[in-house]
């Protein structure tokens, strides 16, 4: 019996699958921040209200529905913004990368990951004034890039968000893979959604019972809960 193609021949990495709200939840970011990056930021003008161009081009730009490719872009951009680099400078770096690699998705394009892992970091370094700032950007972005798994051709295929929200933390307990559970966060190397684990735990199931039911370790269940519950409470 053949495998059912649930995406109709389309590349699962490019299929619109995440609302702004879900993308923000999965990557532990404020939804308003993700919206600014995808829909553009509003600002007052003499004529009323203006809107800047988006930094990330959504797979479905009319409804602002993101693909996994977009999710990678948001993830990389979040690493940059953690160092408080002004958004106009980030925009300039992204525009430069877009022109250099002839791509609409410079923060997720395979060339950036294959030509040189530091390509994004080097370009960003050009728009940061202080040397200390450049070193800080390099360290933080590099930590996030290590949590993006690539195929042999350098194409990002999986994100391992930190259950603690700290990119430098060890371990890859949680995975976001567009080919598994329609891209919902799952316990790594399984198809068990973290959201389901958290729902059952909040309904009264113990960690031990969940581990037995899913044939996982208690440590794996605890990682799922650590990732889900603070995020839902935020």
C-alpha atoms as a PDB file:
ATOM      1  CA  UNK A   1       0.000   0.000   0.000  1.00  0.00           C
ATOM      2  CA  UNK A   2       1.483   3.367  -1.046  1.00  0.00           C
ATOM      3  CA  UNK A   3       2.025   6.353   1.184  1.00  0.00           C
ATOM      4  CA  UNK A   4      -0.743   8.960   1.088  1.00  0.00           C
ATOM      5  CA  UNK A   5       0.485  12.343  -0.113  1.00  0.00           C
ATOM      6  CA  UNK A   6      -1.341  14.678   2.259  1.00  0.00           C
ATOM      7  CA  UNK A   7       0.228  17.770   0.652  1.00  0.00           C
ATOM      8  CA  UNK A   8      -0.836  17.054  -2.920  1.00  0.00           C
ATOM      9  CA  UNK A   9       2.693  16.990  -4.294  1.00  0.00           C
ATOM     10  CA  UNK A  10       3.671  20.267  -2.676  1.00  0.00           C
ATOM     11  CA  UNK A  11       6.831  20.710  -0.628  1.00  0.00           C
ATOM     12  CA  UNK A  12       5.652  20.394   3.003  1.00  0.00           C
ATOM     13  CA  UNK A  13       8.224  22.990   4.051  1.00  0.00           C
ATOM     14  CA  UNK A  14       6.497  25.614   1.894  1.00  0.00           C
ATOM     15  CA  UNK A  15       2.836  24.822   2.595  1.00  0.00           C
ATOM     16  CA  UNK A  16       0.947  27.505   4.595  1.00  0.00           C
ATOM     17  CA  UNK A  17       0.332  25.840   7.954  1.00  0.00           C
ATOM     18  CA  UNK A  18       0.855  28.254  10.847  1.00  0.00           C
ATOM     19  CA  UNK A  19      -1.192  31.254  11.884  1.00  0.00           C
ATOM     20  CA  UNK A  20       0.713  34.133  13.417  1.00  0.00           C
ATOM     21  CA  UNK A  21      -0.656  33.100  16.799  1.00  0.00           C
ATOM     22  CA  UNK A  22       0.434  29.466  16.525  1.00  0.00           C
ATOM     23  CA  UNK A  23       3.864  30.397  15.153  1.00  0.00           C
ATOM     24  CA  UNK A  24       4.363  32.738  18.097  1.00  0.00           C
ATOM     25  CA  UNK A  25       3.269  30.070  20.572  1.00  0.00           C
ATOM     26  CA  UNK A  26       5.492  27.378  19.086  1.00  0.00           C
ATOM     27  CA  UNK A  27       8.557  29.627  19.130  1.00  0.00           C
ATOM     28  CA  UNK A  28       7.722  31.254  22.479  1.00  0.00           C
ATOM     29  CA  UNK A  29       7.404  34.776  21.092  1.00  0.00           C
ATOM     30  CA  UNK A  30       4.812  37.552  21.491  1.00  0.00           C
ATOM     31  CA  UNK A  31       2.198  37.322  18.731  1.00  0.00           C
ATOM     32  CA  UNK A  32       2.383  41.089  18.186  1.00  0.00           C
ATOM     33  CA  UNK A  33       6.095  40.778  17.428  1.00  0.00           C
ATOM     34  CA  UNK A  34       5.583  38.038  14.842  1.00  0.00           C
ATOM     35  CA  UNK A  35       2.748  40.045  13.292  1.00  0.00           C
ATOM     36  CA  UNK A  36       5.033  43.089  12.908  1.00  0.00           C
ATOM     37  CA  UNK A  37       7.620  40.961  11.088  1.00  0.00           C
ATOM     38  CA  UNK A  38       5.092  39.259   8.801  1.00  0.00           C
ATOM     39  CA  UNK A  39       2.484  41.974   8.212  1.00  0.00           C
ATOM     40  CA  UNK A  40       4.623  45.073   8.699  1.00  0.00           C
ATOM     41  CA  UNK A  41       4.701  47.525  11.581  1.00  0.00           C
ATOM     42  CA  UNK A  42       2.180  50.356  11.831  1.00  0.00           C
ATOM     43  CA  UNK A  43       3.327  53.885  12.604  1.00  0.00           C
ATOM     44  CA  UNK A  44       1.670  57.312  12.805  1.00  0.00           C
ATOM     45  CA  UNK A  45       1.864  59.667   9.826  1.00  0.00           C
ATOM     46  CA  UNK A  46       0.456  63.112   9.061  1.00  0.00           C
ATOM     47  CA  UNK A  47      -2.219  61.409   6.965  1.00  0.00           C
ATOM     48  CA  UNK A  48      -3.105  58.905   9.660  1.00  0.00           C
ATOM     49  CA  UNK A  49      -1.407  55.506  10.024  1.00  0.00           C
ATOM     50  CA  UNK A  50       1.298  54.018   7.815  1.00  0.00           C
ATOM     51  CA  UNK A  51       2.650  50.487   7.616  1.00  0.00           C
ATOM     52  CA  UNK A  52       6.193  49.334   6.936  1.00  0.00           C
ATOM     53  CA  UNK A  53       6.935  46.482   4.550  1.00  0.00           C
ATOM     54  CA  UNK A  54       7.141  43.028   6.141  1.00  0.00           C
ATOM     55  CA  UNK A  55      10.552  41.529   6.823  1.00  0.00           C
ATOM     56  CA  UNK A  56       9.253  37.992   6.254  1.00  0.00           C
ATOM     57  CA  UNK A  57       7.121  37.162   3.211  1.00  0.00           C
ATOM     58  CA  UNK A  58       4.359  34.799   4.367  1.00  0.00           C
ATOM     59  CA  UNK A  59       3.538  31.716   2.291  1.00  0.00           C
ATOM     60  CA  UNK A  60      -0.050  33.001   2.224  1.00  0.00           C
ATOM     61  CA  UNK A  61       0.422  36.785   2.280  1.00  0.00           C
ATOM     62  CA  UNK A  62      -3.303  37.533   2.072  1.00  0.00           C
ATOM     63  CA  UNK A  63      -4.164  35.727   5.303  1.00  0.00           C
ATOM     64  CA  UNK A  64      -0.679  35.883   6.843  1.00  0.00           C
ATOM     65  CA  UNK A  65      -0.407  32.110   7.132  1.00  0.00           C
ATOM     66  CA  UNK A  66       3.166  30.934   7.522  1.00  0.00           C
ATOM     67  CA  UNK A  67       4.989  27.901   6.176  1.00  0.00           C
ATOM     68  CA  UNK A  68       7.722  25.927   7.930  1.00  0.00           C
ATOM     69  CA  UNK A  69      10.181  27.901   5.826  1.00  0.00           C
ATOM     70  CA  UNK A  70       8.706  31.071   7.318  1.00  0.00           C
ATOM     71  CA  UNK A  71       8.945  29.521  10.779  1.00  0.00           C
ATOM     72  CA  UNK A  72      12.688  29.090  10.281  1.00  0.00           C
ATOM     73  CA  UNK A  73      12.913  32.764   9.279  1.00  0.00           C
ATOM     74  CA  UNK A  74      11.008  33.852  12.375  1.00  0.00           C
ATOM     75  CA  UNK A  75      13.228  31.671  14.538  1.00  0.00           C
ATOM     76  CA  UNK A  76      16.444  33.149  13.128  1.00  0.00           C
ATOM     77  CA  UNK A  77      15.043  36.680  13.304  1.00  0.00           C
ATOM     78  CA  UNK A  78      14.083  36.147  16.939  1.00  0.00           C
ATOM     79  CA  UNK A  79      17.710  35.297  17.716  1.00  0.00           C
ATOM     80  CA  UNK A  80      18.828  38.538  16.135  1.00  0.00           C
ATOM     81  CA  UNK A  81      16.269  40.644  17.962  1.00  0.00           C
ATOM     82  CA  UNK A  82      17.169  39.138  21.331  1.00  0.00           C
ATOM     83  CA  UNK A  83      20.305  41.249  21.158  1.00  0.00           C
ATOM     84  CA  UNK A  84      18.197  44.406  20.707  1.00  0.00           C
ATOM     85  CA  UNK A  85      19.544  45.214  17.258  1.00  0.00           C
ATOM     86  CA  UNK A  86      17.356  48.052  15.892  1.00  0.00           C
ATOM     87  CA  UNK A  87      14.746  46.702  13.508  1.00  0.00           C
ATOM     88  CA  UNK A  88      15.732  49.069  10.703  1.00  0.00           C
ATOM     89  CA  UNK A  89      19.256  47.651  10.788  1.00  0.00           C
ATOM     90  CA  UNK A  90      17.941  44.110  10.774  1.00  0.00           C
ATOM     91  CA  UNK A  91      15.751  44.995   7.809  1.00  0.00           C
ATOM     92  CA  UNK A  92      18.772  46.356   5.962  1.00  0.00           C
ATOM     93  CA  UNK A  93      20.762  43.171   6.582  1.00  0.00           C
ATOM     94  CA  UNK A  94      17.869  40.994   5.398  1.00  0.00           C
ATOM     95  CA  UNK A  95      17.449  43.102   2.262  1.00  0.00           C
ATOM     96  CA  UNK A  96      21.163  42.790   1.507  1.00  0.00           C
ATOM     97  CA  UNK A  97      21.040  39.008   1.897  1.00  0.00           C
ATOM     98  CA  UNK A  98      17.920  38.831  -0.265  1.00  0.00           C
ATOM     99  CA  UNK A  99      19.625  40.714  -3.085  1.00  0.00           C
ATOM    100  CA  UNK A 100      22.871  38.785  -2.775  1.00  0.00           C
ATOM    101  CA  UNK A 101      21.217  35.356  -2.926  1.00  0.00           C
ATOM    102  CA  UNK A 102      18.243  36.317  -5.141  1.00  0.00           C
ATOM    103  CA  UNK A 103      15.718  34.870  -2.704  1.00  0.00           C
ATOM    104  CA  UNK A 104      12.500  35.983  -1.020  1.00  0.00           C
ATOM    105  CA  UNK A 105      13.425  33.995   2.094  1.00  0.00           C
ATOM    106  CA  UNK A 106      17.026  34.936   2.929  1.00  0.00           C
ATOM    107  CA  UNK A 107      16.913  33.824   6.562  1.00  0.00           C
ATOM    108  CA  UNK A 108      15.873  30.302   5.556  1.00  0.00           C
ATOM    109  CA  UNK A 109      17.503  29.916   2.164  1.00  0.00           C
ATOM    110  CA  UNK A 110      19.718  26.855   1.791  1.00  0.00           C
ATOM    111  CA  UNK A 111      22.561  28.887   0.289  1.00  0.00           C
ATOM    112  CA  UNK A 112      22.999  30.761   3.532  1.00  0.00           C
ATOM    113  CA  UNK A 113      23.392  27.504   5.407  1.00  0.00           C
ATOM    114  CA  UNK A 114      25.629  25.780   2.840  1.00  0.00           C
ATOM    115  CA  UNK A 115      27.871  28.591   1.563  1.00  0.00           C
ATOM    116  CA  UNK A 116      28.872  29.411   5.109  1.00  0.00           C
ATOM    117  CA  UNK A 117      27.228  28.969   8.465  1.00  0.00           C
ATOM    118  CA  UNK A 118      28.299  32.444   9.477  1.00  0.00           C
ATOM    119  CA  UNK A 119      26.819  34.147   6.398  1.00  0.00           C
ATOM    120  CA  UNK A 120      23.806  35.547   8.264  1.00  0.00           C
ATOM    121  CA  UNK A 121      25.955  36.541  11.207  1.00  0.00           C
ATOM    122  CA  UNK A 122      28.571  38.238   9.027  1.00  0.00           C
ATOM    123  CA  UNK A 123      25.952  40.278   7.187  1.00  0.00           C
ATOM    124  CA  UNK A 124      24.379  41.337  10.459  1.00  0.00           C
ATOM    125  CA  UNK A 125      27.790  42.296  11.765  1.00  0.00           C
ATOM    126  CA  UNK A 126      27.964  44.931   9.051  1.00  0.00           C
ATOM    127  CA  UNK A 127      24.989  46.787  10.503  1.00  0.00           C
ATOM    128  CA  UNK A 128      26.049  46.631  14.154  1.00  0.00           C
ATOM    129  CA  UNK A 129      28.324  49.471  15.196  1.00  0.00           C
ATOM    130  CA  UNK A 130      30.202  48.158  18.224  1.00  0.00           C
ATOM    131  CA  UNK A 131      32.616  45.224  17.941  1.00  0.00           C
ATOM    132  CA  UNK A 132      31.205  43.823  21.170  1.00  0.00           C
ATOM    133  CA  UNK A 133      27.778  43.893  19.582  1.00  0.00           C
ATOM    134  CA  UNK A 134      29.034  41.906  16.607  1.00  0.00           C
ATOM    135  CA  UNK A 135      30.505  39.256  18.882  1.00  0.00           C
ATOM    136  CA  UNK A 136      27.274  39.068  20.827  1.00  0.00           C
ATOM    137  CA  UNK A 137      25.242  38.654  17.628  1.00  0.00           C
ATOM    138  CA  UNK A 138      27.577  35.920  16.437  1.00  0.00           C
ATOM    139  CA  UNK A 139      27.254  33.979  19.682  1.00  0.00           C
ATOM    140  CA  UNK A 140      23.467  34.220  19.995  1.00  0.00           C
ATOM    141  CA  UNK A 141      22.594  33.551  16.349  1.00  0.00           C
ATOM    142  CA  UNK A 142      25.058  30.665  16.170  1.00  0.00           C
ATOM    143  CA  UNK A 143      23.355  29.036  19.167  1.00  0.00           C
ATOM    144  CA  UNK A 144      19.991  29.255  17.418  1.00  0.00           C
ATOM    145  CA  UNK A 145      21.326  27.969  14.098  1.00  0.00           C
ATOM    146  CA  UNK A 146      22.541  24.841  15.876  1.00  0.00           C
ATOM    147  CA  UNK A 147      18.898  24.075  16.677  1.00  0.00           C
ATOM    148  CA  UNK A 148      17.967  23.998  12.984  1.00  0.00           C
ATOM    149  CA  UNK A 149      18.560  20.618  11.348  1.00  0.00           C
ATOM    150  CA  UNK A 150      19.420  20.604   7.646  1.00  0.00           C
ATOM    151  CA  UNK A 151      19.293  17.921   4.974  1.00  0.00           C
ATOM    152  CA  UNK A 152      22.452  16.940   3.010  1.00  0.00           C
ATOM    153  CA  UNK A 153      21.793  19.827   0.622  1.00  0.00           C
ATOM    154  CA  UNK A 154      21.709  22.404   3.401  1.00  0.00           C
ATOM    155  CA  UNK A 155      17.925  22.894   3.398  1.00  0.00           C
ATOM    156  CA  UNK A 156      16.399  23.433   6.879  1.00  0.00           C
ATOM    157  CA  UNK A 157      14.059  20.523   7.625  1.00  0.00           C
ATOM    158  CA  UNK A 158      13.517  20.575  11.378  1.00  0.00           C
ATOM    159  CA  UNK A 159      13.605  23.014  14.304  1.00  0.00           C
ATOM    160  CA  UNK A 160      14.395  21.929  17.839  1.00  0.00           C
ATOM    161  CA  UNK A 161      12.962  24.685  20.050  1.00  0.00           C
ATOM    162  CA  UNK A 162      14.366  24.777  23.549  1.00  0.00           C
ATOM    163  CA  UNK A 163      11.953  23.619  26.228  1.00  0.00           C
ATOM    164  CA  UNK A 164      13.429  26.289  28.501  1.00  0.00           C
ATOM    165  CA  UNK A 165      13.507  29.063  25.914  1.00  0.00           C
ATOM    166  CA  UNK A 166      17.315  29.207  26.085  1.00  0.00           C
ATOM    167  CA  UNK A 167      18.880  28.325  22.732  1.00  0.00           C
ATOM    168  CA  UNK A 168      22.238  27.447  24.268  1.00  0.00           C
ATOM    169  CA  UNK A 169      20.638  24.844  26.554  1.00  0.00           C
ATOM    170  CA  UNK A 170      21.717  21.272  25.738  1.00  0.00           C
ATOM    171  CA  UNK A 171      19.438  18.648  24.220  1.00  0.00           C
ATOM    172  CA  UNK A 172      16.946  18.381  21.394  1.00  0.00           C
ATOM    173  CA  UNK A 173      13.891  17.079  23.195  1.00  0.00           C
ATOM    174  CA  UNK A 174      11.216  18.869  21.135  1.00  0.00           C
ATOM    175  CA  UNK A 175      10.996  18.902  17.336  1.00  0.00           C
ATOM    176  CA  UNK A 176       8.990  20.841  14.766  1.00  0.00           C
ATOM    177  CA  UNK A 177       8.977  18.905  11.501  1.00  0.00           C
ATOM    178  CA  UNK A 178       6.547  19.792   8.676  1.00  0.00           C
ATOM    179  CA  UNK A 179       6.297  16.095   7.784  1.00  0.00           C
ATOM    180  CA  UNK A 180       5.170  15.043  11.276  1.00  0.00           C
ATOM    181  CA  UNK A 181       1.740  15.916  12.724  1.00  0.00           C
ATOM    182  CA  UNK A 182       1.342  18.716  10.162  1.00  0.00           C
ATOM    183  CA  UNK A 183       4.252  20.579  11.725  1.00  0.00           C
ATOM    184  CA  UNK A 184       2.996  20.671  15.300  1.00  0.00           C
ATOM    185  CA  UNK A 185       5.683  20.475  18.023  1.00  0.00           C
ATOM    186  CA  UNK A 186       6.257  16.850  19.027  1.00  0.00           C
ATOM    187  CA  UNK A 187       8.512  14.967  21.384  1.00  0.00           C
ATOM    188  CA  UNK A 188      11.650  14.442  19.299  1.00  0.00           C
ATOM    189  CA  UNK A 189      11.872  11.206  17.265  1.00  0.00           C
ATOM    190  CA  UNK A 190       8.164  10.521  17.892  1.00  0.00           C
ATOM    191  CA  UNK A 191       4.827  11.706  16.520  1.00  0.00           C
ATOM    192  CA  UNK A 192       3.489  12.572  19.981  1.00  0.00           C
ATOM    193  CA  UNK A 193       2.383  16.244  20.033  1.00  0.00           C
ATOM    194  CA  UNK A 194       3.543  18.115  23.115  1.00  0.00           C
ATOM    195  CA  UNK A 195       0.183  19.865  23.261  1.00  0.00           C
ATOM    196  CA  UNK A 196      -1.633  16.540  23.735  1.00  0.00           C
ATOM    197  CA  UNK A 197       0.750  15.528  26.516  1.00  0.00           C
ATOM    198  CA  UNK A 198       0.162  18.839  28.302  1.00  0.00           C
ATOM    199  CA  UNK A 199      -3.620  18.592  27.885  1.00  0.00           C
ATOM    200  CA  UNK A 200      -3.711  15.135  29.425  1.00  0.00           C
ATOM    201  CA  UNK A 201      -1.431  16.186  32.258  1.00  0.00           C
ATOM    202  CA  UNK A 202      -3.619  19.195  33.063  1.00  0.00           C
ATOM    203  CA  UNK A 203      -6.643  16.886  32.999  1.00  0.00           C
ATOM    204  CA  UNK A 204      -5.114  14.755  35.744  1.00  0.00           C
ATOM    205  CA  UNK A 205      -2.861  12.141  34.134  1.00  0.00           C
ATOM    206  CA  UNK A 206       0.445  11.664  35.907  1.00  0.00           C
ATOM    207  CA  UNK A 207       3.838  11.866  34.238  1.00  0.00           C
ATOM    208  CA  UNK A 208       4.319   8.160  34.845  1.00  0.00           C
ATOM    209  CA  UNK A 209       0.964   7.252  33.266  1.00  0.00           C
ATOM    210  CA  UNK A 210       1.716   9.379  30.206  1.00  0.00           C
ATOM    211  CA  UNK A 211       5.143   7.775  29.862  1.00  0.00           C
ATOM    212  CA  UNK A 212       3.571   4.311  29.939  1.00  0.00           C
ATOM    213  CA  UNK A 213       0.834   5.178  27.453  1.00  0.00           C
ATOM    214  CA  UNK A 214       3.211   6.658  24.894  1.00  0.00           C
ATOM    215  CA  UNK A 215       6.094   4.266  25.633  1.00  0.00           C
ATOM    216  CA  UNK A 216       8.369   7.144  26.511  1.00  0.00           C
ATOM    217  CA  UNK A 217      10.527   8.018  29.487  1.00  0.00           C
ATOM    218  CA  UNK A 218       9.372  10.285  32.280  1.00  0.00           C
ATOM    219  CA  UNK A 219      12.185  12.660  31.280  1.00  0.00           C
ATOM    220  CA  UNK A 220      10.688  12.972  27.798  1.00  0.00           C
ATOM    221  CA  UNK A 221       7.266  13.735  29.257  1.00  0.00           C
ATOM    222  CA  UNK A 222       8.765  16.330  31.574  1.00  0.00           C
ATOM    223  CA  UNK A 223      10.500  18.055  28.641  1.00  0.00           C
ATOM    224  CA  UNK A 224       7.171  18.254  26.804  1.00  0.00           C
ATOM    225  CA  UNK A 225       5.496  19.751  29.863  1.00  0.00           C
ATOM    226  CA  UNK A 226       8.340  22.187  30.409  1.00  0.00           C
ATOM    227  CA  UNK A 227       7.933  23.373  26.828  1.00  0.00           C
ATOM    228  CA  UNK A 228       4.132  23.549  26.803  1.00  0.00           C
ATOM    229  CA  UNK A 229       2.846  24.649  30.158  1.00  0.00           C
ATOM    230  CA  UNK A 230       4.808  27.911  30.664  1.00  0.00           C
ATOM    231  CA  UNK A 231       4.049  28.796  27.050  1.00  0.00           C
ATOM    232  CA  UNK A 232       0.307  28.269  27.504  1.00  0.00           C
ATOM    233  CA  UNK A 233       0.309  30.231  30.743  1.00  0.00           C
ATOM    234  CA  UNK A 234       2.138  33.191  29.206  1.00  0.00           C
END
